[in-house]
Amino acid sequence: MPALHWTLDAAQQATDSIDLRHLVGAAVGNPVVVCHPEPTDDPAGWGQVAEALRPLAVVLIAEGSRPDPMTAWADLVTEQTVEASEAIVEHQTAATIAAQVLRHRPPDAATARLLESLAYATLQAGADHQRWIAARGRRVRADRSSRVALHDDTHQLRLRLTRGRLHNLIDHRMRNELAEALITIDLDPDQRPVIWEADGPSFCAGGDPAEFGTVPDSTTAHTIRSSADLAPWFDRIADRLTVRIDGPCVGAGIELAALAGTISAGPEARFRLPELTLGLIPGAGGTWSIPNRIGRQRTLEWLVLDQELDPSTAHRWGLVDELRGS
């Protein structure tokens, strides 16, 4: 399924057509449009094209090396248009919904997270995610150890993920323990600085795959996710929270860490957003927290290309605030 390629003239002709919805979008098998802006183009013209496509399930790619005013209208900007197009076609439902969520991202955190959760629930019931569940097979973990520890170091508080043997995968028990710790931190009368670290070789490998598919339906999953949302508690302590990341930080791990006031990365830190490969989008607040740091275009590019970021790239993008030596 080849991508559509548009110059400004071609884009304007297409978007002026009353048949636009039959020409473009995942519903008609054309989930991606690669645009080729020229320096002489009127950015307002491209903006009108993007506005016409705004309601549709389509990813609008601008061919270019970096975001600039000429390409501010695009869903993502990349020179890797072939790789991005192929990934979008392979995961077109999740990719186009991710683009829509980021494109329509509201200005307040609570509404943005609600939109994300509803979109995530839609994808949980989708064919792509169900195929991933079936291919993964059944997983059960007999793991009753604690997940989180909170230490009082007199002048600061130290929050640790302690499920290191399982790469600090986030399950319902870890979410509950994190919520209890965050409430305690928020109530600290001295409002001391907080350091967030993790045991083991990984800071956090994301959501625990053993729990995917265990809730009976996606509507129930949405209500659970809404009531168990950790992001508001991280927001309340963000200005005094420093996250020290060593080793892999994946999916929900970086989505939550991105809420902190400061992210410090060690030399072995690595960052990924693999949700599209599961037929999903970020579901732990990442469509709000990550664009706040790196912008919506780069967020979608990272998600679509499933790139692994090293600390220097993450720092250059603005995902990480500080780099630590070995």
C-alpha atoms as a PDB file:
ATOM      1  CA  MET A   1       0.000   0.000   0.000  1.00  0.00           C
ATOM      2  CA  PRO A   2       2.002   3.016  -1.207  1.00  0.00           C
ATOM      3  CA  ALA A   3       1.760   6.365   0.547  1.00  0.00           C
ATOM      4  CA  LEU A   4       0.203   9.330  -1.192  1.00  0.00           C
ATOM      5  CA  HIS A   5       2.759  12.020  -2.126  1.00  0.00           C
ATOM      6  CA  TRP A   6       1.593  15.601  -2.448  1.00  0.00           C
ATOM      7  CA  THR A   7       3.053  18.905  -3.529  1.00  0.00           C
ATOM      8  CA  LEU A   8       1.145  21.954  -2.333  1.00  0.00           C
ATOM      9  CA  ASP A   9      -0.826  22.153  -5.595  1.00  0.00           C
ATOM     10  CA  ALA A  10      -1.784  18.473  -5.410  1.00  0.00           C
ATOM     11  CA  ALA A  11      -2.670  18.810  -1.736  1.00  0.00           C
ATOM     12  CA  GLN A  12      -4.922  21.790  -2.369  1.00  0.00           C
ATOM     13  CA  GLN A  13      -6.683  20.037  -5.243  1.00  0.00           C
ATOM     14  CA  ALA A  14      -7.300  16.960  -3.087  1.00  0.00           C
ATOM     15  CA  THR A  15      -8.546  18.840  -0.049  1.00  0.00           C
ATOM     16  CA  ASP A  16     -10.813  21.025  -2.170  1.00  0.00           C
ATOM     17  CA  SER A  17     -12.574  17.889  -3.411  1.00  0.00           C
ATOM     18  CA  ILE A  18     -15.951  16.949  -1.952  1.00  0.00           C
ATOM     19  CA  ASP A  19     -14.716  13.357  -2.122  1.00  0.00           C
ATOM     20  CA  LEU A  20     -11.764  13.948   0.233  1.00  0.00           C
ATOM     21  CA  ARG A  21     -13.005  11.438   2.818  1.00  0.00           C
ATOM     22  CA  HIS A  22     -13.083   8.783   0.087  1.00  0.00           C
ATOM     23  CA  LEU A  23      -9.521   9.570  -1.016  1.00  0.00           C
ATOM     24  CA  VAL A  24      -7.586   9.760   2.246  1.00  0.00           C
ATOM     25  CA  GLY A  25      -7.575   8.006   5.607  1.00  0.00           C
ATOM     26  CA  ALA A  26      -7.255   4.615   7.224  1.00  0.00           C
ATOM     27  CA  ALA A  27     -10.940   3.898   6.499  1.00  0.00           C
ATOM     28  CA  VAL A  28     -10.228   3.858   2.743  1.00  0.00           C
ATOM     29  CA  GLY A  29      -6.770   2.301   2.894  1.00  0.00           C
ATOM     30  CA  ASN A  30      -4.711   5.501   2.562  1.00  0.00           C
ATOM     31  CA  PRO A  31      -3.532   6.190   6.133  1.00  0.00           C
ATOM     32  CA  VAL A  32      -0.490   8.324   5.278  1.00  0.00           C
ATOM     33  CA  VAL A  33       0.215  11.355   3.116  1.00  0.00           C
ATOM     34  CA  VAL A  34       3.802  12.453   2.513  1.00  0.00           C
ATOM     35  CA  CYS A  35       3.989  16.161   1.729  1.00  0.00           C
ATOM     36  CA  HIS A  36       6.865  17.795  -0.101  1.00  0.00           C
ATOM     37  CA  PRO A  37       6.957  21.477   0.891  1.00  0.00           C
ATOM     38  CA  GLU A  38       9.112  23.848  -1.131  1.00  0.00           C
ATOM     39  CA  PRO A  39      10.786  26.991   0.255  1.00  0.00           C
ATOM     40  CA  THR A  40       8.573  29.106  -1.996  1.00  0.00           C
ATOM     41  CA  ASP A  41       5.329  27.562  -0.716  1.00  0.00           C
ATOM     42  CA  ASP A  42       2.935  29.607   1.372  1.00  0.00           C
ATOM     43  CA  PRO A  43       2.867  28.022   4.867  1.00  0.00           C
ATOM     44  CA  ALA A  44      -0.731  29.201   5.192  1.00  0.00           C
ATOM     45  CA  GLY A  45      -1.639  27.034   2.216  1.00  0.00           C
ATOM     46  CA  TRP A  46      -0.218  23.961   3.905  1.00  0.00           C
ATOM     47  CA  GLY A  47      -2.009  24.988   7.086  1.00  0.00           C
ATOM     48  CA  GLN A  48      -5.319  24.957   5.216  1.00  0.00           C
ATOM     49  CA  VAL A  49      -4.520  21.483   3.869  1.00  0.00           C
ATOM     50  CA  ALA A  50      -3.809  20.230   7.387  1.00  0.00           C
ATOM     51  CA  GLU A  51      -7.033  21.771   8.677  1.00  0.00           C
ATOM     52  CA  ALA A  52      -9.034  19.972   5.995  1.00  0.00           C
ATOM     53  CA  LEU A  53      -7.442  16.660   6.998  1.00  0.00           C
ATOM     54  CA  ARG A  54      -7.753  17.341  10.729  1.00  0.00           C
ATOM     55  CA  PRO A  55     -10.906  15.225  11.319  1.00  0.00           C
ATOM     56  CA  LEU A  56      -9.626  12.225   9.342  1.00  0.00           C
ATOM     57  CA  ALA A  57      -7.701   9.145  10.480  1.00  0.00           C
ATOM     58  CA  VAL A  58      -4.566   9.993   8.527  1.00  0.00           C
ATOM     59  CA  VAL A  59      -0.933  10.842   9.325  1.00  0.00           C
ATOM     60  CA  LEU A  60       0.383  13.911   7.541  1.00  0.00           C
ATOM     61  CA  ILE A  61       4.150  13.646   7.098  1.00  0.00           C
ATOM     62  CA  ALA A  62       6.270  16.599   6.009  1.00  0.00           C
ATOM     63  CA  GLU A  63       9.526  15.640   4.346  1.00  0.00           C
ATOM     64  CA  GLY A  64      12.300  17.564   6.074  1.00  0.00           C
ATOM     65  CA  SER A  65      15.221  17.442   8.463  1.00  0.00           C
ATOM     66  CA  ARG A  66      13.693  19.211  11.438  1.00  0.00           C
ATOM     67  CA  PRO A  67      10.561  21.071  12.498  1.00  0.00           C
ATOM     68  CA  ASP A  68      10.391  24.706  11.394  1.00  0.00           C
ATOM     69  CA  PRO A  69       7.643  27.260  10.655  1.00  0.00           C
ATOM     70  CA  MET A  70       7.197  25.852   7.137  1.00  0.00           C
ATOM     71  CA  THR A  71       6.204  22.451   8.535  1.00  0.00           C
ATOM     72  CA  ALA A  72       4.411  23.404  11.772  1.00  0.00           C
ATOM     73  CA  TRP A  73       1.150  22.018  10.345  1.00  0.00           C
ATOM     74  CA  ALA A  74       2.433  18.430   9.926  1.00  0.00           C
ATOM     75  CA  ASP A  75       1.812  15.502  12.266  1.00  0.00           C
ATOM     76  CA  LEU A  76       5.490  14.579  12.011  1.00  0.00           C
ATOM     77  CA  VAL A  77       8.564  15.826  10.167  1.00  0.00           C
ATOM     78  CA  THR A  78      11.222  13.393   9.030  1.00  0.00           C
ATOM     79  CA  GLU A  79      13.696  12.561   6.287  1.00  0.00           C
ATOM     80  CA  GLN A  80      12.852   8.871   6.885  1.00  0.00           C
ATOM     81  CA  THR A  81       9.600   9.105   4.968  1.00  0.00           C
ATOM     82  CA  VAL A  82       9.792   5.558   3.570  1.00  0.00           C
ATOM     83  CA  GLU A  83      10.394   3.969   6.989  1.00  0.00           C
ATOM     84  CA  ALA A  84       7.722   6.125   8.624  1.00  0.00           C
ATOM     85  CA  SER A  85       5.177   5.382   5.884  1.00  0.00           C
ATOM     86  CA  GLU A  86       5.803   1.633   6.104  1.00  0.00           C
ATOM     87  CA  ALA A  87       5.388   1.662   9.889  1.00  0.00           C
ATOM     88  CA  ILE A  88       2.156   3.654   9.646  1.00  0.00           C
ATOM     89  CA  VAL A  89       0.736   1.283   7.046  1.00  0.00           C
ATOM     90  CA  GLU A  90       1.688  -1.735   9.177  1.00  0.00           C
ATOM     91  CA  HIS A  91       0.042  -0.285  12.283  1.00  0.00           C
ATOM     92  CA  GLN A  92      -2.389   2.064  10.615  1.00  0.00           C
ATOM     93  CA  THR A  93      -5.190   2.050  13.192  1.00  0.00           C
ATOM     94  CA  ALA A  94      -2.890   2.804  16.138  1.00  0.00           C
ATOM     95  CA  ALA A  95      -0.728   5.217  14.130  1.00  0.00           C
ATOM     96  CA  THR A  96      -3.617   7.292  12.829  1.00  0.00           C
ATOM     97  CA  ILE A  97      -5.340   7.377  16.227  1.00  0.00           C
ATOM     98  CA  ALA A  98      -2.044   8.478  17.810  1.00  0.00           C
ATOM     99  CA  ALA A  99      -1.840  11.274  15.242  1.00  0.00           C
ATOM    100  CA  GLN A 100      -5.430  12.307  15.957  1.00  0.00           C
ATOM    101  CA  VAL A 101      -4.907  12.334  19.727  1.00  0.00           C
ATOM    102  CA  LEU A 102      -1.770  14.455  19.418  1.00  0.00           C
ATOM    103  CA  ARG A 103      -3.360  16.693  16.769  1.00  0.00           C
ATOM    104  CA  HIS A 104      -6.425  17.387  18.944  1.00  0.00           C
ATOM    105  CA  ARG A 105      -4.463  17.534  22.201  1.00  0.00           C
ATOM    106  CA  PRO A 106      -6.312  19.913  24.550  1.00  0.00           C
ATOM    107  CA  PRO A 107      -4.468  22.532  26.594  1.00  0.00           C
ATOM    108  CA  ASP A 108      -5.147  21.046  30.035  1.00  0.00           C
ATOM    109  CA  ALA A 109      -3.693  17.851  31.451  1.00  0.00           C
ATOM    110  CA  ALA A 110      -6.895  16.279  32.772  1.00  0.00           C
ATOM    111  CA  THR A 111      -8.757  16.535  29.463  1.00  0.00           C
ATOM    112  CA  ALA A 112      -5.702  15.371  27.523  1.00  0.00           C
ATOM    113  CA  ARG A 113      -5.401  12.259  29.679  1.00  0.00           C
ATOM    114  CA  LEU A 114      -9.114  11.553  29.319  1.00  0.00           C
ATOM    115  CA  LEU A 115      -8.829  11.749  25.528  1.00  0.00           C
ATOM    116  CA  GLU A 116      -5.801   9.453  25.647  1.00  0.00           C
ATOM    117  CA  SER A 117      -7.561   6.884  27.830  1.00  0.00           C
ATOM    118  CA  LEU A 118     -10.637   6.762  25.581  1.00  0.00           C
ATOM    119  CA  ALA A 119      -8.440   6.307  22.504  1.00  0.00           C
ATOM    120  CA  TYR A 120      -6.391   3.634  24.290  1.00  0.00           C
ATOM    121  CA  ALA A 121      -9.580   1.776  25.228  1.00  0.00           C
ATOM    122  CA  THR A 122     -10.700   1.860  21.602  1.00  0.00           C
ATOM    123  CA  LEU A 123      -7.431   0.262  20.529  1.00  0.00           C
ATOM    124  CA  GLN A 124      -7.541  -2.351  23.291  1.00  0.00           C
ATOM    125  CA  ALA A 125     -10.630  -3.762  21.597  1.00  0.00           C
ATOM    126  CA  GLY A 126      -9.066  -3.520  18.144  1.00  0.00           C
ATOM    127  CA  ALA A 127      -7.898  -6.359  15.932  1.00  0.00           C
ATOM    128  CA  ASP A 128      -4.195  -5.411  16.052  1.00  0.00           C
ATOM    129  CA  HIS A 129      -3.987  -5.519  19.825  1.00  0.00           C
ATOM    130  CA  GLN A 130      -6.049  -8.685  20.027  1.00  0.00           C
ATOM    131  CA  ARG A 131      -3.662 -10.363  17.578  1.00  0.00           C
ATOM    132  CA  TRP A 132      -0.750  -9.302  19.771  1.00  0.00           C
ATOM    133  CA  ILE A 133      -2.492 -10.740  22.841  1.00  0.00           C
ATOM    134  CA  ALA A 134      -3.098 -14.043  21.040  1.00  0.00           C
ATOM    135  CA  ALA A 135       0.515 -14.261  19.821  1.00  0.00           C
ATOM    136  CA  ARG A 136       1.904 -13.447  23.272  1.00  0.00           C
ATOM    137  CA  GLY A 137       0.081 -16.321  24.933  1.00  0.00           C
ATOM    138  CA  ARG A 138      -0.996 -16.504  28.554  1.00  0.00           C
ATOM    139  CA  ARG A 139       1.367 -15.215  31.216  1.00  0.00           C
ATOM    140  CA  VAL A 140       1.020 -15.542  34.969  1.00  0.00           C
ATOM    141  CA  ARG A 141       3.400 -14.065  37.537  1.00  0.00           C
ATOM    142  CA  ALA A 142       3.702 -15.526  41.036  1.00  0.00           C
ATOM    143  CA  ASP A 143       5.358 -12.390  42.344  1.00  0.00           C
ATOM    144  CA  ARG A 144       4.259 -11.167  45.776  1.00  0.00           C
ATOM    145  CA  SER A 145       7.228  -8.951  46.572  1.00  0.00           C
ATOM    146  CA  SER A 146       6.886  -5.243  47.239  1.00  0.00           C
ATOM    147  CA  ARG A 147       7.203  -2.924  44.259  1.00  0.00           C
ATOM    148  CA  VAL A 148       8.006   0.449  45.788  1.00  0.00           C
ATOM    149  CA  ALA A 149      10.054   1.764  48.719  1.00  0.00           C
ATOM    150  CA  LEU A 150      10.044   5.274  50.171  1.00  0.00           C
ATOM    151  CA  HIS A 151      13.023   6.337  52.289  1.00  0.00           C
ATOM    152  CA  ASP A 152      13.419   9.426  54.432  1.00  0.00           C
ATOM    153  CA  ASP A 153      16.968  10.764  54.055  1.00  0.00           C
ATOM    154  CA  THR A 154      16.314  13.711  56.397  1.00  0.00           C
ATOM    155  CA  HIS A 155      16.920  16.430  53.803  1.00  0.00           C
ATOM    156  CA  GLN A 156      15.178  14.636  50.968  1.00  0.00           C
ATOM    157  CA  LEU A 157      12.869  11.724  50.199  1.00  0.00           C
ATOM    158  CA  ARG A 158      13.975   8.806  48.045  1.00  0.00           C
ATOM    159  CA  LEU A 159      11.425   6.860  45.986  1.00  0.00           C
ATOM    160  CA  ARG A 160      12.617   3.511  44.605  1.00  0.00           C
ATOM    161  CA  LEU A 161      11.100   0.933  42.306  1.00  0.00           C
ATOM    162  CA  THR A 162      12.053  -2.414  43.840  1.00  0.00           C
ATOM    163  CA  ARG A 163      10.832  -4.923  41.255  1.00  0.00           C
ATOM    164  CA  GLY A 164      14.280  -5.036  39.706  1.00  0.00           C
ATOM    165  CA  ARG A 165      14.265  -8.758  38.965  1.00  0.00           C
ATOM    166  CA  LEU A 166      11.378  -8.148  36.552  1.00  0.00           C
ATOM    167  CA  HIS A 167      12.804  -4.876  35.202  1.00  0.00           C
ATOM    168  CA  ASN A 168      10.331  -2.861  37.287  1.00  0.00           C
ATOM    169  CA  LEU A 169       7.384  -3.725  35.071  1.00  0.00           C
ATOM    170  CA  ILE A 170       4.352  -1.727  36.164  1.00  0.00           C
ATOM    171  CA  ASP A 171       1.409  -3.849  37.292  1.00  0.00           C
ATOM    172  CA  HIS A 172      -1.679  -2.989  39.346  1.00  0.00           C
ATOM    173  CA  ARG A 173       0.193  -3.612  42.595  1.00  0.00           C
ATOM    174  CA  MET A 174       3.003  -1.238  41.619  1.00  0.00           C
ATOM    175  CA  ARG A 175       0.467   1.415  40.630  1.00  0.00           C
ATOM    176  CA  ASN A 176      -1.225   1.100  44.019  1.00  0.00           C
ATOM    177  CA  GLU A 177       2.066   1.252  45.905  1.00  0.00           C
ATOM    178  CA  LEU A 178       3.226   4.225  43.843  1.00  0.00           C
ATOM    179  CA  ALA A 179      -0.043   6.032  44.570  1.00  0.00           C
ATOM    180  CA  GLU A 180       0.385   5.497  48.323  1.00  0.00           C
ATOM    181  CA  ALA A 181       3.987   6.730  48.179  1.00  0.00           C
ATOM    182  CA  LEU A 182       3.070   9.780  46.097  1.00  0.00           C
ATOM    183  CA  ILE A 183       0.303  10.740  48.513  1.00  0.00           C
ATOM    184  CA  THR A 184       2.778  10.515  51.409  1.00  0.00           C
ATOM    185  CA  ILE A 185       5.271  12.661  49.477  1.00  0.00           C
ATOM    186  CA  ASP A 186       2.600  15.227  48.664  1.00  0.00           C
ATOM    187  CA  LEU A 187       1.672  15.486  52.350  1.00  0.00           C
ATOM    188  CA  ASP A 188       5.282  15.989  53.476  1.00  0.00           C
ATOM    189  CA  PRO A 189       5.044  19.098  55.697  1.00  0.00           C
ATOM    190  CA  ASP A 190       8.508  20.273  54.654  1.00  0.00           C
ATOM    191  CA  GLN A 191       7.901  19.713  50.939  1.00  0.00           C
ATOM    192  CA  ARG A 192      11.403  18.266  50.583  1.00  0.00           C
ATOM    193  CA  PRO A 193      13.110  17.359  47.296  1.00  0.00           C
ATOM    194  CA  VAL A 194      12.378  13.863  45.990  1.00  0.00           C
ATOM    195  CA  ILE A 195      14.733  11.527  44.136  1.00  0.00           C
ATOM    196  CA  TRP A 196      13.102   8.759  42.089  1.00  0.00           C
ATOM    197  CA  GLU A 197      15.368   5.777  41.303  1.00  0.00           C
ATOM    198  CA  ALA A 198      15.027   2.075  40.544  1.00  0.00           C
ATOM    199  CA  ASP A 199      16.662  -1.212  41.492  1.00  0.00           C
ATOM    200  CA  GLY A 200      17.991  -3.647  38.918  1.00  0.00           C
ATOM    201  CA  PRO A 201      19.280  -3.339  35.350  1.00  0.00           C
ATOM    202  CA  SER A 202      16.279  -1.366  34.047  1.00  0.00           C
ATOM    203  CA  PHE A 203      14.646   1.778  35.341  1.00  0.00           C
ATOM    204  CA  CYS A 204      11.279   0.530  34.059  1.00  0.00           C
ATOM    205  CA  ALA A 205      10.392  -1.780  31.166  1.00  0.00           C
ATOM    206  CA  GLY A 206       6.850  -0.392  30.914  1.00  0.00           C
ATOM    207  CA  GLY A 207       3.522  -2.008  31.658  1.00  0.00           C
ATOM    208  CA  ASP A 208       3.590  -5.652  32.718  1.00  0.00           C
ATOM    209  CA  PRO A 209       2.603  -7.772  29.671  1.00  0.00           C
ATOM    210  CA  ALA A 210       1.135 -10.395  32.002  1.00  0.00           C
ATOM    211  CA  GLU A 211      -1.716  -7.992  32.793  1.00  0.00           C
ATOM    212  CA  PHE A 212      -2.542  -7.046  29.212  1.00  0.00           C
ATOM    213  CA  GLY A 213      -5.890  -8.538  28.242  1.00  0.00           C
ATOM    214  CA  THR A 214      -6.857  -9.548  31.781  1.00  0.00           C
ATOM    215  CA  VAL A 215      -9.645  -6.964  32.156  1.00  0.00           C
ATOM    216  CA  PRO A 216     -12.886  -8.328  30.646  1.00  0.00           C
ATOM    217  CA  ASP A 217     -13.552  -5.428  28.260  1.00  0.00           C
ATOM    218  CA  SER A 218     -12.010  -2.151  27.150  1.00  0.00           C
ATOM    219  CA  THR A 219     -14.738   0.026  28.674  1.00  0.00           C
ATOM    220  CA  THR A 220     -14.003  -1.427  32.103  1.00  0.00           C
ATOM    221  CA  ALA A 221     -10.303  -0.919  31.419  1.00  0.00           C
ATOM    222  CA  HIS A 222     -10.951   2.777  30.768  1.00  0.00           C
ATOM    223  CA  THR A 223     -12.822   3.247  34.041  1.00  0.00           C
ATOM    224  CA  ILE A 224     -10.053   1.457  35.960  1.00  0.00           C
ATOM    225  CA  ARG A 225      -7.353   3.487  34.240  1.00  0.00           C
ATOM    226  CA  SER A 226      -9.194   6.727  34.994  1.00  0.00           C
ATOM    227  CA  SER A 227      -9.522   5.930  38.706  1.00  0.00           C
ATOM    228  CA  ALA A 228      -5.928   4.631  39.013  1.00  0.00           C
ATOM    229  CA  ASP A 229      -4.268   7.503  37.136  1.00  0.00           C
ATOM    230  CA  LEU A 230      -0.905   8.279  38.757  1.00  0.00           C
ATOM    231  CA  ALA A 231      -0.207  11.374  36.670  1.00  0.00           C
ATOM    232  CA  PRO A 232      -2.095  13.878  38.862  1.00  0.00           C
ATOM    233  CA  TRP A 233      -0.018  12.831  41.873  1.00  0.00           C
ATOM    234  CA  PHE A 234       3.204  13.210  39.899  1.00  0.00           C
ATOM    235  CA  ASP A 235       1.980  16.634  38.752  1.00  0.00           C
ATOM    236  CA  ARG A 236       1.544  17.736  42.371  1.00  0.00           C
ATOM    237  CA  ILE A 237       5.191  17.034  43.260  1.00  0.00           C
ATOM    238  CA  ALA A 238       6.781  17.689  39.851  1.00  0.00           C
ATOM    239  CA  ASP A 239       8.655  20.838  40.840  1.00  0.00           C
ATOM    240  CA  ARG A 240      10.617  18.963  43.517  1.00  0.00           C
ATOM    241  CA  LEU A 241      10.971  15.602  41.762  1.00  0.00           C
ATOM    242  CA  THR A 242      14.194  14.462  40.078  1.00  0.00           C
ATOM    243  CA  VAL A 243      14.199  11.137  38.214  1.00  0.00           C
ATOM    244  CA  ARG A 244      17.534   9.324  37.945  1.00  0.00           C
ATOM    245  CA  ILE A 245      17.282   6.932  35.008  1.00  0.00           C
ATOM    246  CA  ASP A 246      19.778   4.118  34.482  1.00  0.00           C
ATOM    247  CA  GLY A 247      19.214   1.341  31.969  1.00  0.00           C
ATOM    248  CA  PRO A 248      16.133   0.923  29.760  1.00  0.00           C
ATOM    249  CA  CYS A 249      13.146   3.196  30.366  1.00  0.00           C
ATOM    250  CA  VAL A 250      10.267   2.049  28.190  1.00  0.00           C
ATOM    251  CA  GLY A 251       6.635   2.957  27.573  1.00  0.00           C
ATOM    252  CA  ALA A 252       4.826   3.859  30.780  1.00  0.00           C
ATOM    253  CA  GLY A 253       8.194   4.289  32.508  1.00  0.00           C
ATOM    254  CA  ILE A 254       9.178   7.317  30.439  1.00  0.00           C
ATOM    255  CA  GLU A 255       5.578   8.545  30.208  1.00  0.00           C
ATOM    256  CA  LEU A 256       5.466   8.965  33.996  1.00  0.00           C
ATOM    257  CA  ALA A 257       9.082  10.090  34.352  1.00  0.00           C
ATOM    258  CA  ALA A 258       8.429  12.858  31.813  1.00  0.00           C
ATOM    259  CA  LEU A 259       6.082  14.464  34.348  1.00  0.00           C
ATOM    260  CA  ALA A 260       8.991  15.195  36.693  1.00  0.00           C
ATOM    261  CA  GLY A 261      10.629  18.568  36.949  1.00  0.00           C
ATOM    262  CA  THR A 262      14.042  17.063  36.189  1.00  0.00           C
ATOM    263  CA  ILE A 263      15.137  13.888  34.399  1.00  0.00           C
ATOM    264  CA  SER A 264      18.750  12.845  34.891  1.00  0.00           C
ATOM    265  CA  ALA A 265      20.070  10.070  32.621  1.00  0.00           C
ATOM    266  CA  GLY A 266      23.072   7.834  33.206  1.00  0.00           C
ATOM    267  CA  PRO A 267      25.246   6.589  30.338  1.00  0.00           C
ATOM    268  CA  GLU A 268      23.367   3.268  30.083  1.00  0.00           C
ATOM    269  CA  ALA A 269      19.921   4.850  29.884  1.00  0.00           C
ATOM    270  CA  ARG A 270      17.849   3.952  26.833  1.00  0.00           C
ATOM    271  CA  PHE A 271      14.372   5.155  25.915  1.00  0.00           C
ATOM    272  CA  ARG A 272      11.617   3.563  23.773  1.00  0.00           C
ATOM    273  CA  LEU A 273       7.917   3.977  23.028  1.00  0.00           C
ATOM    274  CA  PRO A 274       6.973   0.564  21.561  1.00  0.00           C
ATOM    275  CA  GLU A 275       3.191   0.880  21.865  1.00  0.00           C
ATOM    276  CA  LEU A 276       2.397   0.831  18.130  1.00  0.00           C
ATOM    277  CA  THR A 277       3.895  -2.655  17.874  1.00  0.00           C
ATOM    278  CA  LEU A 278       1.245  -3.754  20.389  1.00  0.00           C
ATOM    279  CA  GLY A 279      -1.531  -2.062  18.410  1.00  0.00           C
ATOM    280  CA  LEU A 280      -1.768   0.674  21.068  1.00  0.00           C
ATOM    281  CA  ILE A 281      -0.737   4.247  21.856  1.00  0.00           C
ATOM    282  CA  PRO A 282       0.876   5.531  25.072  1.00  0.00           C
ATOM    283  CA  GLY A 283      -1.643   5.023  27.864  1.00  0.00           C
ATOM    284  CA  ALA A 284      -0.001   6.308  31.054  1.00  0.00           C
ATOM    285  CA  GLY A 285      -0.318   9.993  30.185  1.00  0.00           C
ATOM    286  CA  GLY A 286       2.430   9.986  27.575  1.00  0.00           C
ATOM    287  CA  THR A 287       0.474  11.862  24.909  1.00  0.00           C
ATOM    288  CA  TRP A 288       0.498  14.758  27.390  1.00  0.00           C
ATOM    289  CA  SER A 289       3.794  14.457  29.259  1.00  0.00           C
ATOM    290  CA  ILE A 290       6.148  13.634  26.379  1.00  0.00           C
ATOM    291  CA  PRO A 291       4.954  16.330  23.923  1.00  0.00           C
ATOM    292  CA  ASN A 292       5.372  18.844  26.746  1.00  0.00           C
ATOM    293  CA  ARG A 293       9.080  18.051  26.553  1.00  0.00           C
ATOM    294  CA  ILE A 294       9.773  17.297  22.886  1.00  0.00           C
ATOM    295  CA  GLY A 295       6.708  18.510  20.952  1.00  0.00           C
ATOM    296  CA  ARG A 296       3.932  16.554  19.286  1.00  0.00           C
ATOM    297  CA  GLN A 297       5.728  16.061  15.952  1.00  0.00           C
ATOM    298  CA  ARG A 298       8.799  14.488  17.479  1.00  0.00           C
ATOM    299  CA  THR A 299       6.638  12.400  19.824  1.00  0.00           C
ATOM    300  CA  LEU A 300       4.792  10.879  16.879  1.00  0.00           C
ATOM    301  CA  GLU A 301       8.018  10.355  14.932  1.00  0.00           C
ATOM    302  CA  TRP A 302       9.552   8.536  17.910  1.00  0.00           C
ATOM    303  CA  LEU A 303       6.445   6.403  18.325  1.00  0.00           C
ATOM    304  CA  VAL A 304       6.063   5.556  14.620  1.00  0.00           C
ATOM    305  CA  LEU A 305       9.719   4.712  14.018  1.00  0.00           C
ATOM    306  CA  ASP A 306      10.029   2.832  17.336  1.00  0.00           C
ATOM    307  CA  GLN A 307      13.462   4.356  17.857  1.00  0.00           C
ATOM    308  CA  GLU A 308      15.692   3.559  20.813  1.00  0.00           C
ATOM    309  CA  LEU A 309      17.120   6.837  22.092  1.00  0.00           C
ATOM    310  CA  ASP A 310      20.488   7.041  23.778  1.00  0.00           C
ATOM    311  CA  PRO A 311      21.050   9.664  26.489  1.00  0.00           C
ATOM    312  CA  SER A 312      22.676  12.222  24.201  1.00  0.00           C
ATOM    313  CA  THR A 313      19.806  12.068  21.682  1.00  0.00           C
ATOM    314  CA  ALA A 314      17.248  12.250  24.478  1.00  0.00           C
ATOM    315  CA  HIS A 315      19.068  15.275  25.890  1.00  0.00           C
ATOM    316  CA  ARG A 316      19.262  16.978  22.493  1.00  0.00           C
ATOM    317  CA  TRP A 317      15.545  16.471  21.982  1.00  0.00           C
ATOM    318  CA  GLY A 318      14.695  17.821  25.441  1.00  0.00           C
ATOM    319  CA  LEU A 319      13.363  14.544  26.830  1.00  0.00           C
ATOM    320  CA  VAL A 320      16.223  14.503  29.370  1.00  0.00           C
ATOM    321  CA  ASP A 321      17.413  17.517  31.356  1.00  0.00           C
ATOM    322  CA  GLU A 322      20.780  16.293  32.680  1.00  0.00           C
ATOM    323  CA  LEU A 323      23.400  13.740  31.646  1.00  0.00           C
ATOM    324  CA  ARG A 324      25.461  11.934  34.252  1.00  0.00           C
ATOM    325  CA  GLY A 325      28.895  10.444  33.638  1.00  0.00           C
ATOM    326  CA  SER A 326      29.822   6.812  34.189  1.00  0.00           C
END
